[in-house]
Amino acid sequence: MTSENILIIKLSALGDFVQALGPMQAIRRHHPDAKLTLLTTKPFVDIAERSGWFQEVIVDKRPKLLNIKAMLQLRNKLRSGKFARVYDLQTSDRSSSYYRLMGNPKPEWSGIAKGSSHPHANPNRDFMHTVDRQAEQLSMAGITDVPFPDVSWMEADPSKFGLPENYALLIPGGAPHRPDKRWPGSSYGQLAARLVQEGITPVILGTKAEEKEADEIQAECPEAISLLGKTTLFEIAALARKARFSVGNDTGPTHLAAIAGAPTLALFSHASNPDLCGQRGPEVEILRVPDLSNLPVPDVFGKLRSIAHLSQPET
């Protein structure tokens, strides 16, 4: 029998969402008898429902604040939940504004909304890594045992892809509006050719939006296998667990591969700060340079030696 209704808010994006899985699990453990509801966006409904932590998942379509009809629908949905406490793991202006939609009396609120009963009151919170920031936020709300995100339950059968046993994941994508966060596709292609020399089959992950990068990789390395648009998030996790390693840009699938357990090399430019949003996992290396377009392939191959025991790169 449930004793209270609890809401977690976590909207996007993929990397942020999977890094919040540890906090979500901690909240579930802290409220074992509660009805736990997640407010999230459509891409993450499947993960949330299959995690087994939530009795209800609400899709937030993120209506424009001036869309009165849609905002009233969201307000009514939030108020009907009769939530005793809300854990805002998004802590954005949007999610904080939902505090005002809750009506009176307000639920207890963990987050940064004005009036929060359990505010994350660290003035330096914006300078903390996401994982550490959320753990501290929960500690201020009385939850001190926050595990590292566990995606071992994200199971799938990757055998349908017919991959060889010795493969590595290449993740050349990223937000379309952030090209400065991408290592060039031709550079990934040259790296892929080096991997083939090592007896490792390069496997390209991404969406149809990365077709240009995939074409550039396969132009340099015809042996590379493209799985663009063919993998679910659960299949990415399963592929990562069996991969020799993964190498990718600062993008969601790289986060998922790292958390799933693939030794991971993440490539950063000065467009993003790994101290705040870098990949976390059992074995992660970060390579950051001012401009990824100038990052030499031998430098990347050299970094991979420490996590994948590759041969000495050429100079």
C-alpha atoms as a PDB file:
ATOM      1  CA  MET A   1       0.000   0.000   0.000  1.00  0.00           C
ATOM      2  CA  THR A   2       1.428   3.368  -0.993  1.00  0.00           C
ATOM      3  CA  SER A   3       1.724   5.997   1.698  1.00  0.00           C
ATOM      4  CA  GLU A   4       2.424   9.091  -0.412  1.00  0.00           C
ATOM      5  CA  ASN A   5       2.742  10.362  -3.964  1.00  0.00           C
ATOM      6  CA  ILE A   6       6.205  11.453  -5.078  1.00  0.00           C
ATOM      7  CA  LEU A   7       7.143  13.185  -8.341  1.00  0.00           C
ATOM      8  CA  ILE A   8      10.533  13.256 -10.071  1.00  0.00           C
ATOM      9  CA  ILE A   9      11.129  15.747 -12.870  1.00  0.00           C
ATOM     10  CA  LYS A  10      13.791  14.899 -15.455  1.00  0.00           C
ATOM     11  CA  LEU A  11      13.120  16.068 -18.992  1.00  0.00           C
ATOM     12  CA  SER A  12      16.263  15.782 -21.145  1.00  0.00           C
ATOM     13  CA  ALA A  13      18.748  15.259 -22.683  1.00  0.00           C
ATOM     14  CA  LEU A  14      19.970  11.644 -23.049  1.00  0.00           C
ATOM     15  CA  GLY A  15      23.318  12.141 -21.307  1.00  0.00           C
ATOM     16  CA  ASP A  16      21.694  14.058 -18.460  1.00  0.00           C
ATOM     17  CA  PHE A  17      18.900  11.504 -18.198  1.00  0.00           C
ATOM     18  CA  VAL A  18      21.133   8.439 -17.879  1.00  0.00           C
ATOM     19  CA  GLN A  19      23.351  10.244 -15.369  1.00  0.00           C
ATOM     20  CA  ALA A  20      20.197  10.860 -13.305  1.00  0.00           C
ATOM     21  CA  LEU A  21      19.373   7.157 -13.089  1.00  0.00           C
ATOM     22  CA  GLY A  22      21.396   6.838  -9.883  1.00  0.00           C
ATOM     23  CA  PRO A  23      19.456   9.631  -8.154  1.00  0.00           C
ATOM     24  CA  MET A  24      16.169   8.145  -9.403  1.00  0.00           C
ATOM     25  CA  GLN A  25      17.076   4.773  -7.920  1.00  0.00           C
ATOM     26  CA  ALA A  26      18.053   6.462  -4.642  1.00  0.00           C
ATOM     27  CA  ILE A  27      14.678   8.220  -4.475  1.00  0.00           C
ATOM     28  CA  ARG A  28      12.906   4.924  -5.109  1.00  0.00           C
ATOM     29  CA  ARG A  29      14.816   3.314  -2.231  1.00  0.00           C
ATOM     30  CA  HIS A  30      14.149   6.257   0.082  1.00  0.00           C
ATOM     31  CA  HIS A  31      10.397   6.083  -0.589  1.00  0.00           C
ATOM     32  CA  PRO A  32       9.844   2.317  -0.932  1.00  0.00           C
ATOM     33  CA  ASP A  33       6.074   2.432  -0.393  1.00  0.00           C
ATOM     34  CA  ALA A  34       5.321   5.596  -2.342  1.00  0.00           C
ATOM     35  CA  LYS A  35       3.616   5.923  -5.666  1.00  0.00           C
ATOM     36  CA  LEU A  36       6.523   7.280  -7.688  1.00  0.00           C
ATOM     37  CA  THR A  37       5.755   9.302 -10.822  1.00  0.00           C
ATOM     38  CA  LEU A  38       8.232  10.592 -13.395  1.00  0.00           C
ATOM     39  CA  LEU A  39       7.643  13.678 -15.509  1.00  0.00           C
ATOM     40  CA  THR A  40       9.858  13.357 -18.565  1.00  0.00           C
ATOM     41  CA  THR A  41       9.911  13.744 -22.335  1.00  0.00           C
ATOM     42  CA  LYS A  42       8.882  11.157 -24.911  1.00  0.00           C
ATOM     43  CA  PRO A  43      12.359   9.731 -25.783  1.00  0.00           C
ATOM     44  CA  PHE A  44      12.835   8.452 -22.222  1.00  0.00           C
ATOM     45  CA  VAL A  45       9.448   6.905 -21.503  1.00  0.00           C
ATOM     46  CA  ASP A  46      10.604   3.405 -22.449  1.00  0.00           C
ATOM     47  CA  ILE A  47      13.613   3.550 -20.116  1.00  0.00           C
ATOM     48  CA  ALA A  48      11.474   4.873 -17.284  1.00  0.00           C
ATOM     49  CA  GLU A  49       8.733   2.290 -17.683  1.00  0.00           C
ATOM     50  CA  ARG A  50      11.113  -0.641 -17.992  1.00  0.00           C
ATOM     51  CA  SER A  51      13.219   0.422 -15.010  1.00  0.00           C
ATOM     52  CA  GLY A  52      10.511  -0.777 -12.648  1.00  0.00           C
ATOM     53  CA  TRP A  53      10.903   2.267 -10.395  1.00  0.00           C
ATOM     54  CA  PHE A  54       7.801   4.193 -11.407  1.00  0.00           C
ATOM     55  CA  GLN A  55       4.099   3.546 -11.090  1.00  0.00           C
ATOM     56  CA  GLU A  56       3.349   6.306 -13.599  1.00  0.00           C
ATOM     57  CA  VAL A  57       5.241   8.173 -16.305  1.00  0.00           C
ATOM     58  CA  ILE A  58       3.888  11.513 -17.515  1.00  0.00           C
ATOM     59  CA  VAL A  59       5.054  12.942 -20.824  1.00  0.00           C
ATOM     60  CA  ASP A  60       5.888  16.626 -20.740  1.00  0.00           C
ATOM     61  CA  LYS A  61       5.462  18.080 -24.213  1.00  0.00           C
ATOM     62  CA  ARG A  62       7.214  21.217 -22.954  1.00  0.00           C
ATOM     63  CA  PRO A  63       4.578  23.624 -24.226  1.00  0.00           C
ATOM     64  CA  LYS A  64       5.485  27.235 -24.696  1.00  0.00           C
ATOM     65  CA  LEU A  65       4.680  29.202 -21.585  1.00  0.00           C
ATOM     66  CA  LEU A  66       2.338  31.398 -23.634  1.00  0.00           C
ATOM     67  CA  ASN A  67       0.363  28.330 -24.821  1.00  0.00           C
ATOM     68  CA  ILE A  68      -2.292  28.799 -22.172  1.00  0.00           C
ATOM     69  CA  LYS A  69      -4.351  25.704 -23.065  1.00  0.00           C
ATOM     70  CA  ALA A  70      -1.374  23.355 -22.949  1.00  0.00           C
ATOM     71  CA  MET A  71      -0.034  24.895 -19.760  1.00  0.00           C
ATOM     72  CA  LEU A  72      -3.454  24.517 -18.102  1.00  0.00           C
ATOM     73  CA  GLN A  73      -3.495  20.841 -19.106  1.00  0.00           C
ATOM     74  CA  LEU A  74      -0.059  20.350 -17.577  1.00  0.00           C
ATOM     75  CA  ARG A  75      -1.106  22.246 -14.449  1.00  0.00           C
ATOM     76  CA  ASN A  76      -4.180  20.060 -14.026  1.00  0.00           C
ATOM     77  CA  LYS A  77      -2.103  16.911 -14.465  1.00  0.00           C
ATOM     78  CA  LEU A  78       0.411  18.033 -11.860  1.00  0.00           C
ATOM     79  CA  ARG A  79      -2.235  19.094  -9.354  1.00  0.00           C
ATOM     80  CA  SER A  80      -4.215  15.874  -9.775  1.00  0.00           C
ATOM     81  CA  GLY A  81      -1.171  13.897  -8.641  1.00  0.00           C
ATOM     82  CA  LYS A  82      -1.531  15.271  -5.111  1.00  0.00           C
ATOM     83  CA  PHE A  83       2.212  14.996  -4.676  1.00  0.00           C
ATOM     84  CA  ALA A  84       3.651  15.187  -1.185  1.00  0.00           C
ATOM     85  CA  ARG A  85       7.157  15.868  -2.467  1.00  0.00           C
ATOM     86  CA  VAL A  86       8.773  16.759  -5.792  1.00  0.00           C
ATOM     87  CA  TYR A  87      12.390  16.077  -6.712  1.00  0.00           C
ATOM     88  CA  ASP A  88      13.279  18.423  -9.551  1.00  0.00           C
ATOM     89  CA  LEU A  89      16.367  16.835 -11.102  1.00  0.00           C
ATOM     90  CA  GLN A  90      16.108  19.079 -14.156  1.00  0.00           C
ATOM     91  CA  THR A  91      16.549  22.300 -12.126  1.00  0.00           C
ATOM     92  CA  SER A  92      15.963  24.504 -15.155  1.00  0.00           C
ATOM     93  CA  ASP A  93      13.923  27.680 -15.389  1.00  0.00           C
ATOM     94  CA  ARG A  94      11.148  25.602 -16.975  1.00  0.00           C
ATOM     95  CA  SER A  95      11.041  22.879 -14.337  1.00  0.00           C
ATOM     96  CA  SER A  96      11.303  25.456 -11.554  1.00  0.00           C
ATOM     97  CA  SER A  97       8.288  27.252 -13.025  1.00  0.00           C
ATOM     98  CA  TYR A  98       6.241  24.099 -12.434  1.00  0.00           C
ATOM     99  CA  TYR A  99       6.433  24.833  -8.713  1.00  0.00           C
ATOM    100  CA  ARG A 100       4.021  27.694  -9.328  1.00  0.00           C
ATOM    101  CA  LEU A 101       1.624  25.338 -11.135  1.00  0.00           C
ATOM    102  CA  MET A 102       1.199  23.099  -8.120  1.00  0.00           C
ATOM    103  CA  GLY A 103      -1.439  25.149  -6.374  1.00  0.00           C
ATOM    104  CA  ASN A 104      -1.751  25.418  -2.593  1.00  0.00           C
ATOM    105  CA  PRO A 105      -0.655  23.990  -0.325  1.00  0.00           C
ATOM    106  CA  LYS A 106       2.614  23.443  -2.180  1.00  0.00           C
ATOM    107  CA  PRO A 107       4.302  20.042  -2.034  1.00  0.00           C
ATOM    108  CA  GLU A 108       7.725  19.727  -0.488  1.00  0.00           C
ATOM    109  CA  TRP A 109      10.191  20.608  -3.242  1.00  0.00           C
ATOM    110  CA  SER A 110      13.805  19.603  -3.784  1.00  0.00           C
ATOM    111  CA  GLY A 111      15.353  21.860  -6.381  1.00  0.00           C
ATOM    112  CA  ILE A 112      16.102  25.507  -6.969  1.00  0.00           C
ATOM    113  CA  ALA A 113      12.598  26.931  -7.391  1.00  0.00           C
ATOM    114  CA  LYS A 114      11.928  29.963  -5.241  1.00  0.00           C
ATOM    115  CA  GLY A 115      10.077  28.719  -2.185  1.00  0.00           C
ATOM    116  CA  SER A 116      11.570  25.204  -2.233  1.00  0.00           C
ATOM    117  CA  SER A 117      11.253  23.455   1.101  1.00  0.00           C
ATOM    118  CA  HIS A 118      14.497  21.559   0.435  1.00  0.00           C
ATOM    119  CA  PRO A 119      16.555  23.840  -1.807  1.00  0.00           C
ATOM    120  CA  HIS A 120      19.895  22.876  -3.245  1.00  0.00           C
ATOM    121  CA  ALA A 121      21.466  25.766  -1.410  1.00  0.00           C
ATOM    122  CA  ASN A 122      25.025  25.550  -2.676  1.00  0.00           C
ATOM    123  CA  PRO A 123      25.885  28.842  -4.451  1.00  0.00           C
ATOM    124  CA  ASN A 124      28.508  26.950  -6.460  1.00  0.00           C
ATOM    125  CA  ARG A 125      26.117  24.319  -7.760  1.00  0.00           C
ATOM    126  CA  ASP A 126      26.535  25.516 -11.353  1.00  0.00           C
ATOM    127  CA  PHE A 127      30.235  24.684 -11.146  1.00  0.00           C
ATOM    128  CA  MET A 128      29.695  21.059 -10.080  1.00  0.00           C
ATOM    129  CA  HIS A 129      29.564  17.983 -12.273  1.00  0.00           C
ATOM    130  CA  THR A 130      25.983  16.831 -12.907  1.00  0.00           C
ATOM    131  CA  VAL A 131      26.455  13.580 -10.974  1.00  0.00           C
ATOM    132  CA  ASP A 132      27.962  15.313  -7.941  1.00  0.00           C
ATOM    133  CA  ARG A 133      25.453  18.168  -8.038  1.00  0.00           C
ATOM    134  CA  GLN A 134      22.446  15.866  -7.990  1.00  0.00           C
ATOM    135  CA  ALA A 135      23.931  13.741  -5.203  1.00  0.00           C
ATOM    136  CA  GLU A 136      24.417  16.872  -3.106  1.00  0.00           C
ATOM    137  CA  GLN A 137      20.927  18.109  -3.943  1.00  0.00           C
ATOM    138  CA  LEU A 138      19.439  14.848  -2.672  1.00  0.00           C
ATOM    139  CA  SER A 139      21.605  14.883   0.452  1.00  0.00           C
ATOM    140  CA  MET A 140      20.100  18.268   1.310  1.00  0.00           C
ATOM    141  CA  ALA A 141      16.696  16.617   0.989  1.00  0.00           C
ATOM    142  CA  GLY A 142      17.652  13.770   3.309  1.00  0.00           C
ATOM    143  CA  ILE A 143      18.830  11.144   0.791  1.00  0.00           C
ATOM    144  CA  THR A 144      22.496  10.434   1.397  1.00  0.00           C
ATOM    145  CA  ASP A 145      22.976   7.092  -0.384  1.00  0.00           C
ATOM    146  CA  VAL A 146      23.015   7.862  -4.117  1.00  0.00           C
ATOM    147  CA  PRO A 147      24.461   5.030  -6.232  1.00  0.00           C
ATOM    148  CA  PHE A 148      26.282   5.432  -9.509  1.00  0.00           C
ATOM    149  CA  PRO A 149      23.847   5.005 -12.423  1.00  0.00           C
ATOM    150  CA  ASP A 150      23.262   1.317 -13.155  1.00  0.00           C
ATOM    151  CA  VAL A 151      22.000   0.273 -16.590  1.00  0.00           C
ATOM    152  CA  SER A 152      22.684  -3.455 -16.213  1.00  0.00           C
ATOM    153  CA  TRP A 153      18.922  -3.987 -16.503  1.00  0.00           C
ATOM    154  CA  MET A 154      18.904  -2.358 -19.949  1.00  0.00           C
ATOM    155  CA  GLU A 155      19.107  -5.659 -21.771  1.00  0.00           C
ATOM    156  CA  ALA A 156      18.802  -6.461 -25.465  1.00  0.00           C
ATOM    157  CA  ASP A 157      20.142  -9.067 -27.873  1.00  0.00           C
ATOM    158  CA  PRO A 158      22.747  -7.435 -30.131  1.00  0.00           C
ATOM    159  CA  SER A 159      23.350 -10.687 -32.043  1.00  0.00           C
ATOM    160  CA  LYS A 160      20.835  -9.573 -34.665  1.00  0.00           C
ATOM    161  CA  PHE A 161      23.449  -7.129 -35.971  1.00  0.00           C
ATOM    162  CA  GLY A 162      25.844  -9.967 -36.818  1.00  0.00           C
ATOM    163  CA  LEU A 163      28.901  -8.163 -35.520  1.00  0.00           C
ATOM    164  CA  PRO A 164      32.279  -9.859 -35.138  1.00  0.00           C
ATOM    165  CA  GLU A 165      33.456 -10.522 -31.616  1.00  0.00           C
ATOM    166  CA  ASN A 166      36.161  -7.843 -31.635  1.00  0.00           C
ATOM    167  CA  TYR A 167      34.505  -4.509 -32.355  1.00  0.00           C
ATOM    168  CA  ALA A 168      34.646  -0.906 -31.162  1.00  0.00           C
ATOM    169  CA  LEU A 169      31.950   1.738 -31.151  1.00  0.00           C
ATOM    170  CA  LEU A 170      32.414   5.045 -32.956  1.00  0.00           C
ATOM    171  CA  ILE A 171      29.965   7.798 -31.970  1.00  0.00           C
ATOM    172  CA  PRO A 172      30.546  10.736 -34.372  1.00  0.00           C
ATOM    173  CA  GLY A 173      27.287  12.595 -33.747  1.00  0.00           C
ATOM    174  CA  GLY A 174      26.124  15.406 -31.556  1.00  0.00           C
ATOM    175  CA  ALA A 175      23.580  18.184 -31.393  1.00  0.00           C
ATOM    176  CA  PRO A 176      23.090  19.562 -34.926  1.00  0.00           C
ATOM    177  CA  HIS A 177      23.362  23.143 -33.647  1.00  0.00           C
ATOM    178  CA  ARG A 178      26.716  22.412 -31.944  1.00  0.00           C
ATOM    179  CA  PRO A 179      29.140  21.442 -34.754  1.00  0.00           C
ATOM    180  CA  ASP A 180      32.043  22.636 -32.599  1.00  0.00           C
ATOM    181  CA  LYS A 181      31.471  19.595 -30.372  1.00  0.00           C
ATOM    182  CA  ARG A 182      32.185  17.160 -33.218  1.00  0.00           C
ATOM    183  CA  TRP A 183      35.452  15.578 -34.322  1.00  0.00           C
ATOM    184  CA  PRO A 184      35.376  15.465 -38.150  1.00  0.00           C
ATOM    185  CA  GLY A 185      33.974  12.378 -39.818  1.00  0.00           C
ATOM    186  CA  SER A 186      37.112  12.037 -41.934  1.00  0.00           C
ATOM    187  CA  SER A 187      39.186  11.878 -38.754  1.00  0.00           C
ATOM    188  CA  TYR A 188      36.962   9.142 -37.379  1.00  0.00           C
ATOM    189  CA  GLY A 189      37.467   7.392 -40.715  1.00  0.00           C
ATOM    190  CA  GLN A 190      41.250   7.504 -40.417  1.00  0.00           C
ATOM    191  CA  LEU A 191      40.963   6.203 -36.858  1.00  0.00           C
ATOM    192  CA  ALA A 192      38.676   3.430 -38.092  1.00  0.00           C
ATOM    193  CA  ALA A 193      41.275   2.377 -40.657  1.00  0.00           C
ATOM    194  CA  ARG A 194      43.872   2.147 -37.893  1.00  0.00           C
ATOM    195  CA  LEU A 195      41.518   0.010 -35.827  1.00  0.00           C
ATOM    196  CA  VAL A 196      41.044  -2.414 -38.709  1.00  0.00           C
ATOM    197  CA  GLN A 197      44.827  -2.823 -38.793  1.00  0.00           C
ATOM    198  CA  GLU A 198      44.531  -3.845 -35.131  1.00  0.00           C
ATOM    199  CA  GLY A 199      41.924  -6.463 -35.975  1.00  0.00           C
ATOM    200  CA  ILE A 200      39.098  -4.371 -34.509  1.00  0.00           C
ATOM    201  CA  THR A 201      35.928  -3.753 -36.508  1.00  0.00           C
ATOM    202  CA  PRO A 202      34.645  -0.153 -36.214  1.00  0.00           C
ATOM    203  CA  VAL A 203      30.884   0.077 -35.638  1.00  0.00           C
ATOM    204  CA  ILE A 204      29.226   3.465 -36.181  1.00  0.00           C
ATOM    205  CA  LEU A 205      26.354   4.479 -33.910  1.00  0.00           C
ATOM    206  CA  GLY A 206      24.025   7.397 -34.386  1.00  0.00           C
ATOM    207  CA  THR A 207      20.911   8.583 -36.132  1.00  0.00           C
ATOM    208  CA  LYS A 208      20.137   9.422 -39.730  1.00  0.00           C
ATOM    209  CA  ALA A 209      21.376  12.927 -38.904  1.00  0.00           C
ATOM    210  CA  GLU A 210      24.919  11.514 -38.912  1.00  0.00           C
ATOM    211  CA  GLU A 211      24.785  10.082 -42.448  1.00  0.00           C
ATOM    212  CA  LYS A 212      27.374  12.565 -43.679  1.00  0.00           C
ATOM    213  CA  GLU A 213      29.821  11.542 -40.949  1.00  0.00           C
ATOM    214  CA  ALA A 214      29.136   7.846 -41.563  1.00  0.00           C
ATOM    215  CA  ASP A 215      29.785   8.280 -45.289  1.00  0.00           C
ATOM    216  CA  GLU A 216      33.072  10.030 -44.521  1.00  0.00           C
ATOM    217  CA  ILE A 217      34.095   7.235 -42.171  1.00  0.00           C
ATOM    218  CA  GLN A 218      33.287   4.510 -44.676  1.00  0.00           C
ATOM    219  CA  ALA A 219      35.060   6.419 -47.453  1.00  0.00           C
ATOM    220  CA  GLU A 220      38.253   6.145 -45.385  1.00  0.00           C
ATOM    221  CA  CYS A 221      37.436   2.691 -44.011  1.00  0.00           C
ATOM    222  CA  PRO A 222      35.042   0.536 -46.066  1.00  0.00           C
ATOM    223  CA  GLU A 223      35.229  -2.179 -43.389  1.00  0.00           C
ATOM    224  CA  ALA A 224      33.405   0.044 -40.893  1.00  0.00           C
ATOM    225  CA  ILE A 225      29.843  -1.115 -40.152  1.00  0.00           C
ATOM    226  CA  SER A 226      27.131   1.522 -39.883  1.00  0.00           C
ATOM    227  CA  LEU A 227      24.215   0.983 -37.500  1.00  0.00           C
ATOM    228  CA  LEU A 228      22.832   4.484 -37.988  1.00  0.00           C
ATOM    229  CA  GLY A 229      19.164   4.588 -37.088  1.00  0.00           C
ATOM    230  CA  LYS A 230      19.082   0.865 -36.316  1.00  0.00           C
ATOM    231  CA  THR A 231      19.644   0.795 -32.559  1.00  0.00           C
ATOM    232  CA  THR A 232      17.411   1.432 -29.589  1.00  0.00           C
ATOM    233  CA  LEU A 233      18.877   2.846 -26.393  1.00  0.00           C
ATOM    234  CA  PHE A 234      18.662  -0.630 -24.875  1.00  0.00           C
ATOM    235  CA  GLU A 235      20.618  -2.061 -27.805  1.00  0.00           C
ATOM    236  CA  ILE A 236      23.286   0.639 -27.443  1.00  0.00           C
ATOM    237  CA  ALA A 237      23.731  -0.391 -23.807  1.00  0.00           C
ATOM    238  CA  ALA A 238      23.994  -4.051 -24.798  1.00  0.00           C
ATOM    239  CA  LEU A 239      26.466  -3.301 -27.588  1.00  0.00           C
ATOM    240  CA  ALA A 240      28.579  -1.210 -25.223  1.00  0.00           C
ATOM    241  CA  ARG A 241      28.851  -4.029 -22.694  1.00  0.00           C
ATOM    242  CA  LYS A 242      30.429  -6.287 -25.325  1.00  0.00           C
ATOM    243  CA  ALA A 243      32.509  -3.659 -27.150  1.00  0.00           C
ATOM    244  CA  ARG A 244      36.286  -3.520 -26.929  1.00  0.00           C
ATOM    245  CA  PHE A 245      35.862   0.216 -26.302  1.00  0.00           C
ATOM    246  CA  SER A 246      33.933   3.249 -27.490  1.00  0.00           C
ATOM    247  CA  VAL A 247      35.156   6.603 -28.718  1.00  0.00           C
ATOM    248  CA  GLY A 248      32.790   9.479 -29.282  1.00  0.00           C
ATOM    249  CA  ASN A 249      31.956  13.137 -29.063  1.00  0.00           C
ATOM    250  CA  ASP A 250      30.298  14.776 -26.089  1.00  0.00           C
ATOM    251  CA  THR A 251      26.865  13.384 -26.877  1.00  0.00           C
ATOM    252  CA  GLY A 252      24.218  11.211 -25.251  1.00  0.00           C
ATOM    253  CA  PRO A 253      25.147   7.786 -26.684  1.00  0.00           C
ATOM    254  CA  THR A 254      28.737   8.298 -25.478  1.00  0.00           C
ATOM    255  CA  HIS A 255      27.359   8.836 -21.971  1.00  0.00           C
ATOM    256  CA  LEU A 256      25.280   5.671 -22.252  1.00  0.00           C
ATOM    257  CA  ALA A 257      28.184   3.598 -23.569  1.00  0.00           C
ATOM    258  CA  ALA A 258      30.409   4.765 -20.709  1.00  0.00           C
ATOM    259  CA  ILE A 259      27.836   4.037 -18.015  1.00  0.00           C
ATOM    260  CA  ALA A 260      27.080   0.643 -19.570  1.00  0.00           C
ATOM    261  CA  GLY A 261      30.712  -0.307 -19.036  1.00  0.00           C
ATOM    262  CA  ALA A 262      32.539   0.159 -22.326  1.00  0.00           C
ATOM    263  CA  PRO A 263      36.023   1.614 -21.830  1.00  0.00           C
ATOM    264  CA  THR A 264      35.322   5.038 -23.291  1.00  0.00           C
ATOM    265  CA  LEU A 265      37.316   7.881 -24.765  1.00  0.00           C
ATOM    266  CA  ALA A 266      35.252  11.078 -24.953  1.00  0.00           C
ATOM    267  CA  LEU A 267      36.403  13.932 -27.182  1.00  0.00           C
ATOM    268  CA  PHE A 268      35.789  17.498 -26.030  1.00  0.00           C
ATOM    269  CA  SER A 269      36.434  20.913 -27.459  1.00  0.00           C
ATOM    270  CA  HIS A 270      36.251  24.108 -25.463  1.00  0.00           C
ATOM    271  CA  ALA A 271      32.571  24.265 -26.443  1.00  0.00           C
ATOM    272  CA  SER A 272      31.762  22.115 -23.395  1.00  0.00           C
ATOM    273  CA  ASN A 273      33.419  21.457 -20.064  1.00  0.00           C
ATOM    274  CA  PRO A 274      33.961  17.837 -18.960  1.00  0.00           C
ATOM    275  CA  ASP A 275      34.314  19.034 -15.364  1.00  0.00           C
ATOM    276  CA  LEU A 276      30.614  19.862 -15.508  1.00  0.00           C
ATOM    277  CA  CYS A 277      29.183  17.330 -17.950  1.00  0.00           C
ATOM    278  CA  GLY A 278      31.875  14.781 -18.788  1.00  0.00           C
ATOM    279  CA  GLN A 279      31.150  11.106 -19.206  1.00  0.00           C
ATOM    280  CA  ARG A 280      31.344   8.951 -16.097  1.00  0.00           C
ATOM    281  CA  GLY A 281      31.784   5.195 -16.027  1.00  0.00           C
ATOM    282  CA  PRO A 282      34.017   2.352 -14.866  1.00  0.00           C
ATOM    283  CA  GLU A 283      36.765   3.345 -17.323  1.00  0.00           C
ATOM    284  CA  VAL A 284      36.597   6.749 -18.988  1.00  0.00           C
ATOM    285  CA  GLU A 285      39.275   8.963 -20.493  1.00  0.00           C
ATOM    286  CA  ILE A 286      38.640  12.547 -21.589  1.00  0.00           C
ATOM    287  CA  LEU A 287      40.617  14.187 -24.392  1.00  0.00           C
ATOM    288  CA  ARG A 288      39.976  17.915 -24.622  1.00  0.00           C
ATOM    289  CA  VAL A 289      41.452  20.367 -27.106  1.00  0.00           C
ATOM    290  CA  PRO A 290      40.406  23.913 -28.052  1.00  0.00           C
ATOM    291  CA  ASP A 291      39.224  22.936 -31.548  1.00  0.00           C
ATOM    292  CA  LEU A 292      38.324  19.344 -32.448  1.00  0.00           C
ATOM    293  CA  SER A 293      38.878  20.012 -36.133  1.00  0.00           C
ATOM    294  CA  ASN A 294      42.591  20.298 -35.288  1.00  0.00           C
ATOM    295  CA  LEU A 295      42.791  17.133 -33.161  1.00  0.00           C
ATOM    296  CA  PRO A 296      45.260  14.726 -34.848  1.00  0.00           C
ATOM    297  CA  VAL A 297      44.256  11.105 -35.306  1.00  0.00           C
ATOM    298  CA  PRO A 298      47.509   9.828 -33.724  1.00  0.00           C
ATOM    299  CA  ASP A 299      46.653  11.721 -30.531  1.00  0.00           C
ATOM    300  CA  VAL A 300      43.327   9.912 -30.287  1.00  0.00           C
ATOM    301  CA  PHE A 301      44.890   6.572 -31.149  1.00  0.00           C
ATOM    302  CA  GLY A 302      47.542   7.197 -28.526  1.00  0.00           C
ATOM    303  CA  LYS A 303      44.897   7.839 -25.864  1.00  0.00           C
ATOM    304  CA  LEU A 304      43.139   4.631 -26.819  1.00  0.00           C
ATOM    305  CA  ARG A 305      46.290   2.674 -26.043  1.00  0.00           C
ATOM    306  CA  SER A 306      45.725   3.219 -22.312  1.00  0.00           C
ATOM    307  CA  ILE A 307      42.220   1.774 -22.338  1.00  0.00           C
ATOM    308  CA  ALA A 308      42.372  -0.770 -25.162  1.00  0.00           C
ATOM    309  CA  HIS A 309      46.028  -1.869 -25.279  1.00  0.00           C
ATOM    310  CA  LEU A 310      46.550  -0.838 -28.878  1.00  0.00           C
ATOM    311  CA  SER A 311      49.887  -0.743 -30.599  1.00  0.00           C
ATOM    312  CA  GLN A 312      52.187   2.281 -30.600  1.00  0.00           C
ATOM    313  CA  PRO A 313      50.732   5.022 -32.847  1.00  0.00           C
ATOM    314  CA  GLU A 314      52.742   6.239 -35.789  1.00  0.00           C
ATOM    315  CA  THR A 315      54.414   9.631 -35.543  1.00  0.00           C
END
